[in-house]
C-alpha atoms as a PDB file:
ATOM      1  CA  LEU A   1     -22.219  66.575   7.125  1.00  0.00           C
ATOM      2  CA  ASN A   2     -19.644  65.195   9.523  1.00  0.00           C
ATOM      3  CA  GLY A   3     -16.801  66.860   9.030  1.00  0.00           C
ATOM      4  CA  VAL A   4     -15.425  69.316   6.441  1.00  0.00           C
ATOM      5  CA  VAL A   5     -16.821  70.289   3.489  1.00  0.00           C
ATOM      6  CA  THR A   6     -15.724  68.786   0.463  1.00  0.00           C
ATOM      7  CA  ALA A   7     -16.656  68.505  -3.596  1.00  0.00           C
ATOM      8  CA  TRP A   8     -16.734  65.119  -2.926  1.00  0.00           C
ATOM      9  CA  LYS A   9     -19.603  64.950   0.268  1.00  0.00           C
ATOM     10  CA  ALA A  10     -21.176  68.557  -2.126  1.00  0.00           C
ATOM     11  CA  ASN A  11     -21.241  66.714  -5.068  1.00  0.00           C
ATOM     12  CA  TYR A  12     -23.127  63.602  -2.591  1.00  0.00           C
ATOM     13  CA  ILE A  13     -25.654  65.802  -0.962  1.00  0.00           C
ATOM     14  CA  ILE A  14     -26.616  67.833  -3.728  1.00  0.00           C
ATOM     15  CA  ASP A  15     -26.919  63.758  -5.790  1.00  0.00           C
ATOM     16  CA  ARG A  16     -29.121  63.175  -2.556  1.00  0.00           C
ATOM     17  CA  ILE A  17     -31.550  66.227  -2.886  1.00  0.00           C
ATOM     18  CA  ARG A  18     -32.183  65.508  -6.848  1.00  0.00           C
ATOM     19  CA  TYR A  19     -33.316  62.479  -6.407  1.00  0.00           C
ATOM     20  CA  PHE A  20     -36.019  63.613  -3.632  1.00  0.00           C
ATOM     21  CA  ASN A  21     -37.256  65.753  -5.622  1.00  0.00           C
ATOM     22  CA  ASN A  22     -37.374  63.272  -8.433  1.00  0.00           C
ATOM     23  CA  LYS A  23     -39.087  61.442  -5.987  1.00  0.00           C
ATOM     24  CA  ASP A  24     -41.683  63.605  -4.314  1.00  0.00           C
ATOM     25  CA  LYS A  25     -41.959  66.862  -4.419  1.00  0.00           C
ATOM     26  CA  GLN A  26     -44.500  67.809  -1.050  1.00  0.00           C
ATOM     27  CA  HIS A  27     -42.086  65.535   1.670  1.00  0.00           C
ATOM     28  CA  PRO A  28     -39.921  67.995   2.943  1.00  0.00           C
ATOM     29  CA  ILE A  29     -35.733  66.882   2.917  1.00  0.00           C
ATOM     30  CA  PHE A  30     -33.913  67.437   5.835  1.00  0.00           C
ATOM     31  CA  ILE A  31     -29.758  67.963   5.601  1.00  0.00           C
ATOM     32  CA  VAL A  32     -27.942  66.951   9.371  1.00  0.00           C
ATOM     33  CA  ILE A  33     -24.989  68.545  10.387  1.00  0.00           C
ATOM     34  CA  GLU A  34     -23.102  66.155  12.924  1.00  0.00           C
ATOM     35  CA  ASN A  35     -20.426  68.780  13.254  1.00  0.00           C
ATOM     36  CA  SER A  36     -18.456  71.157  11.254  1.00  0.00           C
ATOM     37  CA  PRO A  37     -15.733  72.907  10.451  1.00  0.00           C
ATOM     38  CA  GLY A  38     -17.214  74.978   7.006  1.00  0.00           C
ATOM     39  CA  GLY A  39     -14.613  73.965   4.413  1.00  0.00           C
ATOM     40  CA  SER A  40     -15.192  74.337   0.874  1.00  0.00           C
ATOM     41  CA  VAL A  41     -17.083  77.763  -0.429  1.00  0.00           C
ATOM     42  CA  MET A  42     -17.692  76.554  -3.886  1.00  0.00           C
ATOM     43  CA  ALA A  43     -19.102  73.288  -3.053  1.00  0.00           C
ATOM     44  CA  GLY A  44     -20.968  74.949  -0.110  1.00  0.00           C
ATOM     45  CA  GLN A  45     -22.585  77.357  -2.589  1.00  0.00           C
ATOM     46  CA  ARG A  46     -23.444  74.776  -4.947  1.00  0.00           C
ATOM     47  CA  ILE A  47     -25.204  73.160  -1.582  1.00  0.00           C
ATOM     48  CA  LEU A  48     -26.722  76.870  -1.184  1.00  0.00           C
ATOM     49  CA  GLN A  49     -27.860  76.562  -5.443  1.00  0.00           C
ATOM     50  CA  SER A  50     -29.128  72.856  -4.617  1.00  0.00           C
ATOM     51  CA  MET A  51     -31.618  73.535  -1.486  1.00  0.00           C
ATOM     52  CA  HIS A  52     -32.376  77.269  -3.119  1.00  0.00           C
ATOM     53  CA  HIS A  53     -33.625  75.119  -6.898  1.00  0.00           C
ATOM     54  CA  SER A  54     -35.492  72.704  -4.860  1.00  0.00           C
ATOM     55  CA  GLU A  55     -38.978  72.102  -5.344  1.00  0.00           C
ATOM     56  CA  ALA A  56     -39.075  70.338  -2.101  1.00  0.00           C
ATOM     57  CA  PRO A  57     -38.236  72.396   0.924  1.00  0.00           C
ATOM     58  CA  VAL A  58     -35.041  71.338   2.533  1.00  0.00           C
ATOM     59  CA  TYR A  59     -34.885  71.677   5.974  1.00  0.00           C
ATOM     60  CA  VAL A  60     -30.975  71.628   7.706  1.00  0.00           C
ATOM     61  CA  VAL A  61     -30.743  69.678  11.789  1.00  0.00           C
ATOM     62  CA  LEU A  62     -27.736  70.764  13.606  1.00  0.00           C
ATOM     63  CA  LYS A  63     -27.068  68.054  16.510  1.00  0.00           C
ATOM     64  CA  GLY A  64     -22.949  69.562  17.642  1.00  0.00           C
ATOM     65  CA  PHE A  65     -21.366  72.899  15.757  1.00  0.00           C
ATOM     66  CA  ALA A  66     -21.465  74.604  12.575  1.00  0.00           C
ATOM     67  CA  ALA A  67     -18.814  77.394  11.165  1.00  0.00           C
ATOM     68  CA  SER A  68     -18.499  78.693   8.479  1.00  0.00           C
ATOM     69  CA  MET A  69     -19.219  77.802   5.175  1.00  0.00           C
ATOM     70  CA  SER A  70     -22.071  74.853   7.393  1.00  0.00           C
ATOM     71  CA  ALA A  71     -23.169  77.301   9.124  1.00  0.00           C
ATOM     72  CA  LEU A  72     -23.717  79.541   5.853  1.00  0.00           C
ATOM     73  CA  ILE A  73     -25.738  76.008   5.027  1.00  0.00           C
ATOM     74  CA  THR A  74     -27.811  76.456   8.299  1.00  0.00           C
ATOM     75  CA  THR A  75     -28.598  79.872   8.053  1.00  0.00           C
ATOM     76  CA  LEU A  76     -30.312  79.575   4.296  1.00  0.00           C
ATOM     77  CA  ALA A  77     -32.381  76.747   4.560  1.00  0.00           C
ATOM     78  CA  LYS A  78     -35.239  77.307   4.990  1.00  0.00           C
ATOM     79  CA  LYS A  79     -36.428  76.541   8.213  1.00  0.00           C
ATOM     80  CA  SER A  80     -33.231  74.513  10.936  1.00  0.00           C
ATOM     81  CA  TYR A  81     -33.458  72.460  13.600  1.00  0.00           C
END
């Protein structure tokens, strides 16, 4: 995730979470955030719901900065680095 959280990016992330859940529920899923000033609350909420309902643990790796909605995604992940 790099840049603003948009509906398109949320759909892509949600699809990836579903894909990796179907592939293997034992291994964690990592969302990497480079730099994100936040973005759409509705799109971010959909990402958070997908993370919460995932059977595989979803972890967030923050490389740069996260503000607003991307900060919530980082904070509410099972683990963040």
